[in-house]
């Protein structure tokens, strides 16, 4: 099963570049060719993506990966979930930064040099 981040990334890439090869998709995602193939096959098996050939292309081995109507709906759903997760991560990071700033301020007010870790 594909996690939301991988599914989002692949569906986004296929929307923007349906003519991409598996090798190009793998490079863009930072994964192995085998993983890209596995991910694409999972999307095809779920009916989210279909493979189409460029009939006018003299190289008959050239395919496009097209999102099906179900794939478009899934992309919308996974985009919302991905956005919510990233917003939660952002909020948590902001809270951590605020805590670190308070800690640095406390160190500075106690006379410690936070840069060197010495008084």
PDB file of N, CA and C in Angstrom:
ATOM      1  N   UNK A   1       0.841  -1.184   0.000  1.00  0.00           N
ATOM      2  CA  UNK A   1       0.000   0.000   0.000  1.00  0.00           C
ATOM      3  C   UNK A   1       0.885   1.245   0.000  1.00  0.00           C
ATOM      4  N   UNK A   2       0.508   2.213  -0.799  1.00  0.00           N
ATOM      5  CA  UNK A   2       1.284   3.446  -0.895  1.00  0.00           C
ATOM      6  C   UNK A   2       0.872   4.420   0.199  1.00  0.00           C
ATOM      7  N   UNK A   3       1.872   5.060   0.800  1.00  0.00           N
ATOM      8  CA  UNK A   3       1.547   6.086   1.786  1.00  0.00           C
ATOM      9  C   UNK A   3       1.081   7.344   1.047  1.00  0.00           C
ATOM     10  N   UNK A   4       0.422   8.237   1.778  1.00  0.00           N
ATOM     11  CA  UNK A   4      -0.153   9.443   1.165  1.00  0.00           C
ATOM     12  C   UNK A   4       0.898  10.310   0.484  1.00  0.00           C
ATOM     13  N   UNK A   5       2.075  10.431   1.085  1.00  0.00           N
ATOM     14  CA  UNK A   5       3.110  11.291   0.501  1.00  0.00           C
ATOM     15  C   UNK A   5       3.548  10.761  -0.859  1.00  0.00           C
ATOM     16  N   UNK A   6       3.764   9.454  -0.949  1.00  0.00           N
ATOM     17  CA  UNK A   6       4.181   8.845  -2.219  1.00  0.00           C
ATOM     18  C   UNK A   6       3.060   8.937  -3.242  1.00  0.00           C
ATOM     19  N   UNK A   7       1.847   8.627  -2.806  1.00  0.00           N
ATOM     20  CA  UNK A   7       0.695   8.689  -3.715  1.00  0.00           C
ATOM     21  C   UNK A   7       0.504  10.111  -4.235  1.00  0.00           C
ATOM     22  N   UNK A   8       0.581  11.093  -3.322  1.00  0.00           N
ATOM     23  CA  UNK A   8       0.438  12.501  -3.718  1.00  0.00           C
ATOM     24  C   UNK A   8       1.509  12.879  -4.737  1.00  0.00           C
ATOM     25  N   UNK A   9       2.754  12.550  -4.410  1.00  0.00           N
ATOM     26  CA  UNK A   9       3.865  12.932  -5.288  1.00  0.00           C
ATOM     27  C   UNK A   9       3.710  12.312  -6.678  1.00  0.00           C
ATOM     28  N   UNK A  10       3.374  11.042  -6.734  1.00  0.00           N
ATOM     29  CA  UNK A  10       3.251  10.366  -8.022  1.00  0.00           C
ATOM     30  C   UNK A  10       2.049  10.880  -8.813  1.00  0.00           C
ATOM     31  N   UNK A  11       0.905  11.043  -8.164  1.00  0.00           N
ATOM     32  CA  UNK A  11      -0.270  11.561  -8.877  1.00  0.00           C
ATOM     33  C   UNK A  11      -0.017  12.981  -9.385  1.00  0.00           C
ATOM     34  N   UNK A  12       0.685  13.783  -8.601  1.00  0.00           N
ATOM     35  CA  UNK A  12       1.018  15.150  -9.022  1.00  0.00           C
ATOM     36  C   UNK A  12       1.943  15.122 -10.238  1.00  0.00           C
ATOM     37  N   UNK A  13       2.969  14.281 -10.187  1.00  0.00           N
ATOM     38  CA  UNK A  13       3.891  14.163 -11.323  1.00  0.00           C
ATOM     39  C   UNK A  13       3.165  13.689 -12.578  1.00  0.00           C
ATOM     40  N   UNK A  14       2.280  12.710 -12.421  1.00  0.00           N
ATOM     41  CA  UNK A  14       1.559  12.186 -13.584  1.00  0.00           C
ATOM     42  C   UNK A  14       0.598  13.218 -14.156  1.00  0.00           C
ATOM     43  N   UNK A  15       0.032  14.059 -13.306  1.00  0.00           N
ATOM     44  CA  UNK A  15      -0.848  15.125 -13.786  1.00  0.00           C
ATOM     45  C   UNK A  15      -0.049  16.135 -14.598  1.00  0.00           C
ATOM     46  N   UNK A  16       1.127  16.477 -14.094  1.00  0.00           N
ATOM     47  CA  UNK A  16       1.950  17.502 -14.745  1.00  0.00           C
ATOM     48  C   UNK A  16       2.727  16.968 -15.941  1.00  0.00           C
ATOM     49  N   UNK A  17       3.138  15.689 -15.880  1.00  0.00           N
ATOM     50  CA  UNK A  17       3.982  15.112 -16.935  1.00  0.00           C
ATOM     51  C   UNK A  17       3.532  13.683 -17.255  1.00  0.00           C
ATOM     52  N   UNK A  18       2.378  13.523 -17.887  1.00  0.00           N
ATOM     53  CA  UNK A  18       1.860  12.171 -18.136  1.00  0.00           C
ATOM     54  C   UNK A  18       2.737  11.342 -19.073  1.00  0.00           C
ATOM     55  N   UNK A  19       3.571  12.007 -19.846  1.00  0.00           N
ATOM     56  CA  UNK A  19       4.410  11.297 -20.807  1.00  0.00           C
ATOM     57  C   UNK A  19       5.734  10.834 -20.201  1.00  0.00           C
ATOM     58  N   UNK A  20       5.949  11.092 -18.928  1.00  0.00           N
ATOM     59  CA  UNK A  20       7.207  10.715 -18.271  1.00  0.00           C
ATOM     60  C   UNK A  20       7.417   9.211 -18.306  1.00  0.00           C
ATOM     61  N   UNK A  21       8.671   8.822 -18.449  1.00  0.00           N
ATOM     62  CA  UNK A  21       9.010   7.403 -18.369  1.00  0.00           C
ATOM     63  C   UNK A  21       9.103   7.010 -16.896  1.00  0.00           C
ATOM     64  N   UNK A  22       9.091   5.715 -16.657  1.00  0.00           N
ATOM     65  CA  UNK A  22       9.249   5.250 -15.280  1.00  0.00           C
ATOM     66  C   UNK A  22      10.593   5.703 -14.712  1.00  0.00           C
ATOM     67  N   UNK A  23      11.606   5.708 -15.536  1.00  0.00           N
ATOM     68  CA  UNK A  23      12.932   6.152 -15.090  1.00  0.00           C
ATOM     69  C   UNK A  23      12.893   7.624 -14.687  1.00  0.00           C
ATOM     70  N   UNK A  24      12.210   8.449 -15.473  1.00  0.00           N
ATOM     71  CA  UNK A  24      12.088   9.878 -15.146  1.00  0.00           C
ATOM     72  C   UNK A  24      11.271  10.082 -13.873  1.00  0.00           C
ATOM     73  N   UNK A  25      10.200   9.316 -13.727  1.00  0.00           N
ATOM     74  CA  UNK A  25       9.384   9.407 -12.511  1.00  0.00           C
ATOM     75  C   UNK A  25      10.197   8.995 -11.286  1.00  0.00           C
ATOM     76  N   UNK A  26      10.966   7.915 -11.430  1.00  0.00           N
ATOM     77  CA  UNK A  26      11.802   7.452 -10.319  1.00  0.00           C
ATOM     78  C   UNK A  26      12.798   8.531  -9.908  1.00  0.00           C
ATOM     79  N   UNK A  27      13.434   9.157 -10.895  1.00  0.00           N
ATOM     80  CA  UNK A  27      14.409  10.214 -10.595  1.00  0.00           C
ATOM     81  C   UNK A  27      13.735  11.401  -9.912  1.00  0.00           C
ATOM     82  N   UNK A  28      12.568  11.798 -10.401  1.00  0.00           N
ATOM     83  CA  UNK A  28      11.857  12.943  -9.823  1.00  0.00           C
ATOM     84  C   UNK A  28      11.404  12.656  -8.393  1.00  0.00           C
ATOM     85  N   UNK A  29      11.080  11.397  -8.116  1.00  0.00           N
ATOM     86  CA  UNK A  29      10.617  11.019  -6.783  1.00  0.00           C
ATOM     87  C   UNK A  29      11.764  10.664  -5.844  1.00  0.00           C
ATOM     88  N   UNK A  30      12.953  10.461  -6.407  1.00  0.00           N
ATOM     89  CA  UNK A  30      14.091  10.066  -5.583  1.00  0.00           C
ATOM     90  C   UNK A  30      14.005   8.629  -5.104  1.00  0.00           C
ATOM     91  N   UNK A  31      13.431   7.765  -5.947  1.00  0.00           N
ATOM     92  CA  UNK A  31      13.292   6.349  -5.595  1.00  0.00           C
ATOM     93  C   UNK A  31      13.905   5.498  -6.699  1.00  0.00           C
ATOM     94  N   UNK A  32      14.037   4.207  -6.430  1.00  0.00           N
ATOM     95  CA  UNK A  32      14.571   3.298  -7.436  1.00  0.00           C
ATOM     96  C   UNK A  32      13.555   3.090  -8.557  1.00  0.00           C
ATOM     97  N   UNK A  33      14.036   2.635  -9.686  1.00  0.00           N
ATOM     98  CA  UNK A  33      13.159   2.323 -10.812  1.00  0.00           C
ATOM     99  C   UNK A  33      12.157   1.238 -10.415  1.00  0.00           C
ATOM    100  N   UNK A  34      12.606   0.259  -9.645  1.00  0.00           N
ATOM    101  CA  UNK A  34      11.722  -0.810  -9.188  1.00  0.00           C
ATOM    102  C   UNK A  34      10.583  -0.286  -8.323  1.00  0.00           C
ATOM    103  N   UNK A  35      10.891   0.668  -7.433  1.00  0.00           N
ATOM    104  CA  UNK A  35       9.839   1.231  -6.579  1.00  0.00           C
ATOM    105  C   UNK A  35       8.866   2.049  -7.418  1.00  0.00           C
ATOM    106  N   UNK A  36       9.382   2.809  -8.387  1.00  0.00           N
ATOM    107  CA  UNK A  36       8.498   3.587  -9.259  1.00  0.00           C
ATOM    108  C   UNK A  36       7.558   2.648 -10.015  1.00  0.00           C
ATOM    109  N   UNK A  37       8.095   1.545 -10.510  1.00  0.00           N
ATOM    110  CA  UNK A  37       7.283   0.560 -11.224  1.00  0.00           C
ATOM    111  C   UNK A  37       6.218  -0.017 -10.297  1.00  0.00           C
ATOM    112  N   UNK A  38       6.600  -0.362  -9.080  1.00  0.00           N
ATOM    113  CA  UNK A  38       5.664  -0.902  -8.089  1.00  0.00           C
ATOM    114  C   UNK A  38       4.544   0.098  -7.807  1.00  0.00           C
ATOM    115  N   UNK A  39       4.914   1.359  -7.612  1.00  0.00           N
ATOM    116  CA  UNK A  39       3.925   2.403  -7.302  1.00  0.00           C
ATOM    117  C   UNK A  39       2.962   2.611  -8.464  1.00  0.00           C
ATOM    118  N   UNK A  40       3.497   2.666  -9.669  1.00  0.00           N
ATOM    119  CA  UNK A  40       2.639   2.835 -10.849  1.00  0.00           C
ATOM    120  C   UNK A  40       1.683   1.658 -10.994  1.00  0.00           C
ATOM    121  N   UNK A  41       2.216   0.454 -10.816  1.00  0.00           N
ATOM    122  CA  UNK A  41       1.378  -0.740 -10.935  1.00  0.00           C
ATOM    123  C   UNK A  41       0.257  -0.705  -9.894  1.00  0.00           C
ATOM    124  N   UNK A  42       0.570  -0.260  -8.681  1.00  0.00           N
ATOM    125  CA  UNK A  42      -0.453  -0.166  -7.631  1.00  0.00           C
ATOM    126  C   UNK A  42      -1.555   0.808  -8.034  1.00  0.00           C
ATOM    127  N   UNK A  43      -1.178   1.937  -8.634  1.00  0.00           N
ATOM    128  CA  UNK A  43      -2.177   2.923  -9.066  1.00  0.00           C
ATOM    129  C   UNK A  43      -3.006   2.394 -10.231  1.00  0.00           C
ATOM    130  N   UNK A  44      -2.358   1.678 -11.148  1.00  0.00           N
ATOM    131  CA  UNK A  44      -3.078   1.077 -12.280  1.00  0.00           C
ATOM    132  C   UNK A  44      -4.039   0.007 -11.763  1.00  0.00           C
ATOM    133  N   UNK A  45      -3.564  -0.843 -10.850  1.00  0.00           N
ATOM    134  CA  UNK A  45      -4.403  -1.916 -10.296  1.00  0.00           C
ATOM    135  C   UNK A  45      -5.622  -1.370  -9.556  1.00  0.00           C
ATOM    136  N   UNK A  46      -5.484  -0.200  -8.928  1.00  0.00           N
ATOM    137  CA  UNK A  46      -6.614   0.413  -8.206  1.00  0.00           C
ATOM    138  C   UNK A  46      -7.537   1.186  -9.143  1.00  0.00           C
ATOM    139  N   UNK A  47      -7.171   1.271 -10.427  1.00  0.00           N
ATOM    140  CA  UNK A  47      -8.000   1.983 -11.392  1.00  0.00           C
ATOM    141  C   UNK A  47      -7.828   3.494 -11.344  1.00  0.00           C
ATOM    142  N   UNK A  48      -6.740   3.963 -10.735  1.00  0.00           N
ATOM    143  CA  UNK A  48      -6.509   5.404 -10.623  1.00  0.00           C
ATOM    144  C   UNK A  48      -5.731   5.958 -11.810  1.00  0.00           C
ATOM    145  N   UNK A  49      -4.986   5.091 -12.466  1.00  0.00           N
ATOM    146  CA  UNK A  49      -4.154   5.490 -13.609  1.00  0.00           C
ATOM    147  C   UNK A  49      -4.330   4.449 -14.695  1.00  0.00           C
ATOM    148  N   UNK A  50      -4.343   4.917 -15.932  1.00  0.00           N
ATOM    149  CA  UNK A  50      -4.338   3.981 -17.056  1.00  0.00           C
ATOM    150  C   UNK A  50      -3.179   4.353 -17.964  1.00  0.00           C
ATOM    151  N   UNK A  51      -2.679   3.352 -18.653  1.00  0.00           N
ATOM    152  CA  UNK A  51      -1.583   3.585 -19.586  1.00  0.00           C
ATOM    153  C   UNK A  51      -2.179   3.775 -20.966  1.00  0.00           C
ATOM    154  N   UNK A  52      -1.717   4.811 -21.642  1.00  0.00           N
ATOM    155  CA  UNK A  52      -2.148   5.051 -23.009  1.00  0.00           C
ATOM    156  C   UNK A  52      -0.931   5.230 -23.886  1.00  0.00           C
ATOM    157  N   UNK A  53      -1.033   4.828 -25.127  1.00  0.00           N
ATOM    158  CA  UNK A  53       0.110   4.997 -26.028  1.00  0.00           C
ATOM    159  C   UNK A  53      -0.125   6.207 -26.917  1.00  0.00           C
ATOM    160  N   UNK A  54       0.981   6.817 -27.322  1.00  0.00           N
ATOM    161  CA  UNK A  54       0.908   7.919 -28.276  1.00  0.00           C
ATOM    162  C   UNK A  54       0.823   7.293 -29.663  1.00  0.00           C
ATOM    163  N   UNK A  55      -0.341   7.319 -30.252  1.00  0.00           N
ATOM    164  CA  UNK A  55      -0.515   6.659 -31.550  1.00  0.00           C
ATOM    165  C   UNK A  55       0.268   7.349 -32.653  1.00  0.00           C
ATOM    166  N   UNK A  56       0.425   8.662 -32.534  1.00  0.00           N
ATOM    167  CA  UNK A  56       1.133   9.391 -33.582  1.00  0.00           C
ATOM    168  C   UNK A  56       2.643   9.287 -33.431  1.00  0.00           C
ATOM    169  N   UNK A  57       3.104   8.763 -32.307  1.00  0.00           N
ATOM    170  CA  UNK A  57       4.534   8.669 -32.066  1.00  0.00           C
ATOM    171  C   UNK A  57       5.099   7.481 -32.824  1.00  0.00           C
ATOM    172  N   UNK A  58       6.181   7.692 -33.589  1.00  0.00           N
ATOM    173  CA  UNK A  58       6.774   6.574 -34.329  1.00  0.00           C
ATOM    174  C   UNK A  58       7.354   5.505 -33.402  1.00  0.00           C
ATOM    175  N   UNK A  59       7.713   5.891 -32.191  1.00  0.00           N
ATOM    176  CA  UNK A  59       8.220   4.935 -31.217  1.00  0.00           C
ATOM    177  C   UNK A  59       7.022   4.360 -30.467  1.00  0.00           C
ATOM    178  N   UNK A  60       6.563   3.203 -30.873  1.00  0.00           N
ATOM    179  CA  UNK A  60       5.335   2.624 -30.323  1.00  0.00           C
ATOM    180  C   UNK A  60       5.491   2.205 -28.860  1.00  0.00           C
ATOM    181  N   UNK A  61       6.710   2.236 -28.331  1.00  0.00           N
ATOM    182  CA  UNK A  61       6.928   1.879 -26.933  1.00  0.00           C
ATOM    183  C   UNK A  61       6.713   3.047 -25.986  1.00  0.00           C
ATOM    184  N   UNK A  62       6.315   4.200 -26.506  1.00  0.00           N
ATOM    185  CA  UNK A  62       6.130   5.381 -25.670  1.00  0.00           C
ATOM    186  C   UNK A  62       4.710   5.389 -25.118  1.00  0.00           C
ATOM    187  N   UNK A  63       4.608   5.514 -23.819  1.00  0.00           N
ATOM    188  CA  UNK A  63       3.312   5.511 -23.150  1.00  0.00           C
ATOM    189  C   UNK A  63       3.110   6.795 -22.369  1.00  0.00           C
ATOM    190  N   UNK A  64       1.860   7.067 -22.099  1.00  0.00           N
ATOM    191  CA  UNK A  64       1.504   8.153 -21.185  1.00  0.00           C
ATOM    192  C   UNK A  64       0.727   7.513 -20.045  1.00  0.00           C
ATOM    193  N   UNK A  65       0.926   8.029 -18.867  1.00  0.00           N
ATOM    194  CA  UNK A  65       0.190   7.564 -17.695  1.00  0.00           C
ATOM    195  C   UNK A  65      -0.885   8.594 -17.409  1.00  0.00           C
ATOM    196  N   UNK A  66      -2.129   8.218 -17.627  1.00  0.00           N
ATOM    197  CA  UNK A  66      -3.242   9.156 -17.522  1.00  0.00           C
ATOM    198  C   UNK A  66      -4.090   8.851 -16.298  1.00  0.00           C
ATOM    199  N   UNK A  67      -4.430   9.890 -15.558  1.00  0.00           N
ATOM    200  CA  UNK A  67      -5.311   9.710 -14.409  1.00  0.00           C
ATOM    201  C   UNK A  67      -6.725   9.437 -14.906  1.00  0.00           C
ATOM    202  N   UNK A  68      -7.347   8.440 -14.339  1.00  0.00           N
ATOM    203  CA  UNK A  68      -8.744   8.147 -14.633  1.00  0.00           C
ATOM    204  C   UNK A  68      -9.598   9.134 -13.828  1.00  0.00           C
ATOM    205  N   UNK A  69     -10.899   9.194 -14.090  1.00  0.00           N
ATOM    206  CA  UNK A  69     -11.751  10.043 -13.245  1.00  0.00           C
ATOM    207  C   UNK A  69     -11.606   9.697 -11.752  1.00  0.00           C
ATOM    208  N   UNK A  70     -11.477   8.400 -11.448  1.00  0.00           N
ATOM    209  CA  UNK A  70     -11.251   7.989 -10.057  1.00  0.00           C
ATOM    210  C   UNK A  70      -9.897   8.488  -9.569  1.00  0.00           C
ATOM    211  N   UNK A  71      -8.911   8.502 -10.470  1.00  0.00           N
ATOM    212  CA  UNK A  71      -7.585   9.002 -10.120  1.00  0.00           C
ATOM    213  C   UNK A  71      -7.592  10.487  -9.815  1.00  0.00           C
ATOM    214  N   UNK A  72      -8.385  11.237 -10.570  1.00  0.00           N
ATOM    215  CA  UNK A  72      -8.502  12.681 -10.325  1.00  0.00           C
ATOM    216  C   UNK A  72      -9.139  12.915  -8.959  1.00  0.00           C
ATOM    217  N   UNK A  73     -10.186  12.146  -8.640  1.00  0.00           N
ATOM    218  CA  UNK A  73     -10.838  12.273  -7.328  1.00  0.00           C
ATOM    219  C   UNK A  73      -9.883  11.884  -6.204  1.00  0.00           C
ATOM    220  N   UNK A  74      -9.141  10.810  -6.401  1.00  0.00           N
ATOM    221  CA  UNK A  74      -8.186  10.369  -5.379  1.00  0.00           C
ATOM    222  C   UNK A  74      -7.084  11.405  -5.193  1.00  0.00           C
ATOM    223  N   UNK A  75      -6.641  12.022  -6.287  1.00  0.00           N
ATOM    224  CA  UNK A  75      -5.618  13.066  -6.176  1.00  0.00           C
ATOM    225  C   UNK A  75      -6.140  14.217  -5.327  1.00  0.00           C
ATOM    226  N   UNK A  76      -7.391  14.592  -5.518  1.00  0.00           N
ATOM    227  CA  UNK A  76      -7.979  15.670  -4.714  1.00  0.00           C
ATOM    228  C   UNK A  76      -8.029  15.267  -3.239  1.00  0.00           C
ATOM    229  N   UNK A  77      -8.460  14.032  -2.964  1.00  0.00           N
ATOM    230  CA  UNK A  77      -8.541  13.566  -1.570  1.00  0.00           C
ATOM    231  C   UNK A  77      -7.164  13.510  -0.919  1.00  0.00           C
ATOM    232  N   UNK A  78      -6.199  12.938  -1.627  1.00  0.00           N
ATOM    233  CA  UNK A  78      -4.865  12.783  -1.049  1.00  0.00           C
ATOM    234  C   UNK A  78      -4.182  14.143  -0.904  1.00  0.00           C
ATOM    235  N   UNK A  79      -4.499  15.083  -1.785  1.00  0.00           N
ATOM    236  CA  UNK A  79      -3.940  16.432  -1.667  1.00  0.00           C
ATOM    237  C   UNK A  79      -4.433  17.096  -0.388  1.00  0.00           C
ATOM    238  N   UNK A  80      -5.709  16.953  -0.090  1.00  0.00           N
ATOM    239  CA  UNK A  80      -6.264  17.532   1.143  1.00  0.00           C
ATOM    240  C   UNK A  80      -5.615  16.885   2.366  1.00  0.00           C
ATOM    241  N   UNK A  81      -5.499  15.556   2.368  1.00  0.00           N
ATOM    242  CA  UNK A  81      -4.867  14.866   3.505  1.00  0.00           C
ATOM    243  C   UNK A  81      -3.411  15.289   3.653  1.00  0.00           C
ATOM    244  N   UNK A  82      -2.700  15.384   2.532  1.00  0.00           N
ATOM    245  CA  UNK A  82      -1.291  15.778   2.539  1.00  0.00           C
ATOM    246  C   UNK A  82      -1.150  17.199   3.076  1.00  0.00           C
ATOM    247  N   UNK A  83      -2.023  18.096   2.640  1.00  0.00           N
ATOM    248  CA  UNK A  83      -1.986  19.479   3.116  1.00  0.00           C
ATOM    249  C   UNK A  83      -2.229  19.542   4.618  1.00  0.00           C
ATOM    250  N   UNK A  84      -3.218  18.810   5.106  1.00  0.00           N
ATOM    251  CA  UNK A  84      -3.503  18.810   6.550  1.00  0.00           C
ATOM    252  C   UNK A  84      -2.310  18.291   7.344  1.00  0.00           C
ATOM    253  N   UNK A  85      -1.678  17.231   6.832  1.00  0.00           N
ATOM    254  CA  UNK A  85      -0.507  16.687   7.526  1.00  0.00           C
ATOM    255  C   UNK A  85       0.633  17.693   7.549  1.00  0.00           C
ATOM    256  N   UNK A  86       0.884  18.345   6.418  1.00  0.00           N
ATOM    257  CA  UNK A  86       1.970  19.331   6.347  1.00  0.00           C
ATOM    258  C   UNK A  86       1.672  20.527   7.241  1.00  0.00           C
ATOM    259  N   UNK A  87       0.407  20.941   7.329  1.00  0.00           N
ATOM    260  CA  UNK A  87       0.045  22.055   8.209  1.00  0.00           C
ATOM    261  C   UNK A  87       0.262  21.674   9.671  1.00  0.00           C
ATOM    262  N   UNK A  88      -0.062  20.439  10.033  1.00  0.00           N
ATOM    263  CA  UNK A  88       0.167  19.976  11.406  1.00  0.00           C
ATOM    264  C   UNK A  88       1.664  19.930  11.705  1.00  0.00           C
ATOM    265  N   UNK A  89       2.457  19.462  10.736  1.00  0.00           N
ATOM    266  CA  UNK A  89       3.912  19.440  10.910  1.00  0.00           C
ATOM    267  C   UNK A  89       4.446  20.860  11.068  1.00  0.00           C
ATOM    268  N   UNK A  90       3.922  21.789  10.287  1.00  0.00           N
ATOM    269  CA  UNK A  90       4.335  23.192  10.355  1.00  0.00           C
ATOM    270  C   UNK A  90       4.006  23.780  11.725  1.00  0.00           C
ATOM    271  N   UNK A  91       2.793  23.515  12.212  1.00  0.00           N
ATOM    272  CA  UNK A  91       2.391  24.011  13.535  1.00  0.00           C
ATOM    273  C   UNK A  91       3.295  23.442  14.627  1.00  0.00           C
ATOM    274  N   UNK A  92       3.606  22.148  14.539  1.00  0.00           N
ATOM    275  CA  UNK A  92       4.483  21.517  15.528  1.00  0.00           C
ATOM    276  C   UNK A  92       5.884  22.120  15.468  1.00  0.00           C
ATOM    277  N   UNK A  93       6.360  22.386  14.262  1.00  0.00           N
ATOM    278  CA  UNK A  93       7.685  22.993  14.101  1.00  0.00           C
ATOM    279  C   UNK A  93       7.705  24.407  14.666  1.00  0.00           C
ATOM    280  N   UNK A  94       6.646  25.163  14.434  1.00  0.00           N
ATOM    281  CA  UNK A  94       6.566  26.517  14.997  1.00  0.00           C
ATOM    282  C   UNK A  94       6.591  26.468  16.521  1.00  0.00           C
ATOM    283  N   UNK A  95       5.881  25.524  17.112  1.00  0.00           N
ATOM    284  CA  UNK A  95       5.865  25.387  18.572  1.00  0.00           C
ATOM    285  C   UNK A  95       7.251  25.015  19.089  1.00  0.00           C
ATOM    286  N   UNK A  96       7.938  24.132  18.374  1.00  0.00           N
ATOM    287  CA  UNK A  96       9.289  23.738  18.778  1.00  0.00           C
ATOM    288  C   UNK A  96      10.252  24.917  18.680  1.00  0.00           C
ATOM    289  N   UNK A  97      10.132  25.704  17.624  1.00  0.00           N
ATOM    290  CA  UNK A  97      10.981  26.891  17.463  1.00  0.00           C
ATOM    291  C   UNK A  97      10.712  27.888  18.586  1.00  0.00           C
ATOM    292  N   UNK A  98       9.449  28.095  18.918  1.00  0.00           N
ATOM    293  CA  UNK A  98       9.100  29.018  20.004  1.00  0.00           C
ATOM    294  C   UNK A  98       9.704  28.538  21.326  1.00  0.00           C
ATOM    295  N   UNK A  99       9.642  27.239  21.589  1.00  0.00           N
ATOM    296  CA  UNK A  99      10.212  26.688  22.823  1.00  0.00           C
ATOM    297  C   UNK A  99      11.725  26.874  22.847  1.00  0.00           C
ATOM    298  N   UNK A 100      12.371  26.648  21.718  1.00  0.00           N
ATOM    299  CA  UNK A 100      13.825  26.839  21.640  1.00  0.00           C
ATOM    300  C   UNK A 100      14.198  28.303  21.840  1.00  0.00           C
ATOM    301  N   UNK A 101      13.416  29.208  21.279  1.00  0.00           N
ATOM    302  CA  UNK A 101      13.688  30.639  21.471  1.00  0.00           C
ATOM    303  C   UNK A 101      13.561  31.025  22.943  1.00  0.00           C
ATOM    304  N   UNK A 102      12.522  30.493  23.602  1.00  0.00           N
ATOM    305  CA  UNK A 102      12.365  30.773  25.035  1.00  0.00           C
ATOM    306  C   UNK A 102      13.562  30.237  25.817  1.00  0.00           C
ATOM    307  N   UNK A 103      14.012  29.049  25.449  1.00  0.00           N
ATOM    308  CA  UNK A 103      15.163  28.449  26.122  1.00  0.00           C
ATOM    309  C   UNK A 103      16.415  29.301  25.924  1.00  0.00           C
ATOM    310  N   UNK A 104      16.633  29.774  24.708  1.00  0.00           N
ATOM    311  CA  UNK A 104      17.787  30.635  24.426  1.00  0.00           C
ATOM    312  C   UNK A 104      17.661  31.947  25.197  1.00  0.00           C
ATOM    313  N   UNK A 105      16.462  32.522  25.224  1.00  0.00           N
ATOM    314  CA  UNK A 105      16.249  33.764  25.982  1.00  0.00           C
ATOM    315  C   UNK A 105      16.520  33.547  27.468  1.00  0.00           C
ATOM    316  N   UNK A 106      16.068  32.407  28.005  1.00  0.00           N
ATOM    317  CA  UNK A 106      16.316  32.095  29.415  1.00  0.00           C
ATOM    318  C   UNK A 106      17.810  31.959  29.684  1.00  0.00           C
ATOM    319  N   UNK A 107      18.515  31.311  28.767  1.00  0.00           N
ATOM    320  CA  UNK A 107      19.967  31.171  28.918  1.00  0.00           C
ATOM    321  C   UNK A 107      20.642  32.533  28.882  1.00  0.00           C
ATOM    322  N   UNK A 108      20.205  33.374  27.955  1.00  0.00           N
ATOM    323  CA  UNK A 108      20.806  34.706  27.826  1.00  0.00           C
ATOM    324  C   UNK A 108      20.535  35.545  29.071  1.00  0.00           C
ATOM    325  N   UNK A 109      19.333  35.446  29.609  1.00  0.00           N
ATOM    326  CA  UNK A 109      19.002  36.253  30.791  1.00  0.00           C
ATOM    327  C   UNK A 109      19.704  35.736  32.045  1.00  0.00           C
ATOM    328  N   UNK A 110      20.133  34.478  32.024  1.00  0.00           N
ATOM    329  CA  UNK A 110      20.860  33.945  33.177  1.00  0.00           C
ATOM    330  C   UNK A 110      22.359  34.193  33.055  1.00  0.00           C
ATOM    331  N   UNK A 111      22.762  34.893  32.001  1.00  0.00           N
ATOM    332  CA  UNK A 111      24.162  35.263  31.846  1.00  0.00           C
ATOM    333  C   UNK A 111      24.998  34.255  31.086  1.00  0.00           C
ATOM    334  N   UNK A 112      24.392  33.215  30.565  1.00  0.00           N
ATOM    335  CA  UNK A 112      25.155  32.244  29.784  1.00  0.00           C
ATOM    336  C   UNK A 112      25.246  32.698  28.340  1.00  0.00           C
ATOM    337  N   UNK A 113      26.370  32.440  27.744  1.00  0.00           N
ATOM    338  CA  UNK A 113      26.565  32.746  26.330  1.00  0.00           C
ATOM    339  C   UNK A 113      26.082  31.536  25.538  1.00  0.00           C
ATOM    340  N   UNK A 114      24.904  31.633  24.970  1.00  0.00           N
ATOM    341  CA  UNK A 114      24.301  30.501  24.256  1.00  0.00           C
ATOM    342  C   UNK A 114      25.113  30.102  23.037  1.00  0.00           C
ATOM    343  N   UNK A 115      25.837  31.046  22.455  1.00  0.00           N
ATOM    344  CA  UNK A 115      26.626  30.732  21.260  1.00  0.00           C
ATOM    345  C   UNK A 115      27.781  29.788  21.587  1.00  0.00           C
ATOM    346  N   UNK A 116      28.427  30.011  22.725  1.00  0.00           N
ATOM    347  CA  UNK A 116      29.590  29.204  23.077  1.00  0.00           C
ATOM    348  C   UNK A 116      29.267  28.169  24.138  1.00  0.00           C
ATOM    349  N   UNK A 117      28.124  28.308  24.783  1.00  0.00           N
ATOM    350  CA  UNK A 117      27.762  27.370  25.835  1.00  0.00           C
ATOM    351  C   UNK A 117      28.535  27.614  27.123  1.00  0.00           C
ATOM    352  N   UNK A 118      29.099  28.825  27.263  1.00  0.00           N
ATOM    353  CA  UNK A 118      29.881  29.149  28.467  1.00  0.00           C
ATOM    354  C   UNK A 118      29.428  30.490  29.010  1.00  0.00           C
ATOM    355  N   UNK A 119      29.759  30.749  30.277  1.00  0.00           N
ATOM    356  CA  UNK A 119      29.402  32.033  30.906  1.00  0.00           C
ATOM    357  C   UNK A 119      30.420  33.088  30.567  1.00  0.00           C
TER     358      UNK A 119
END
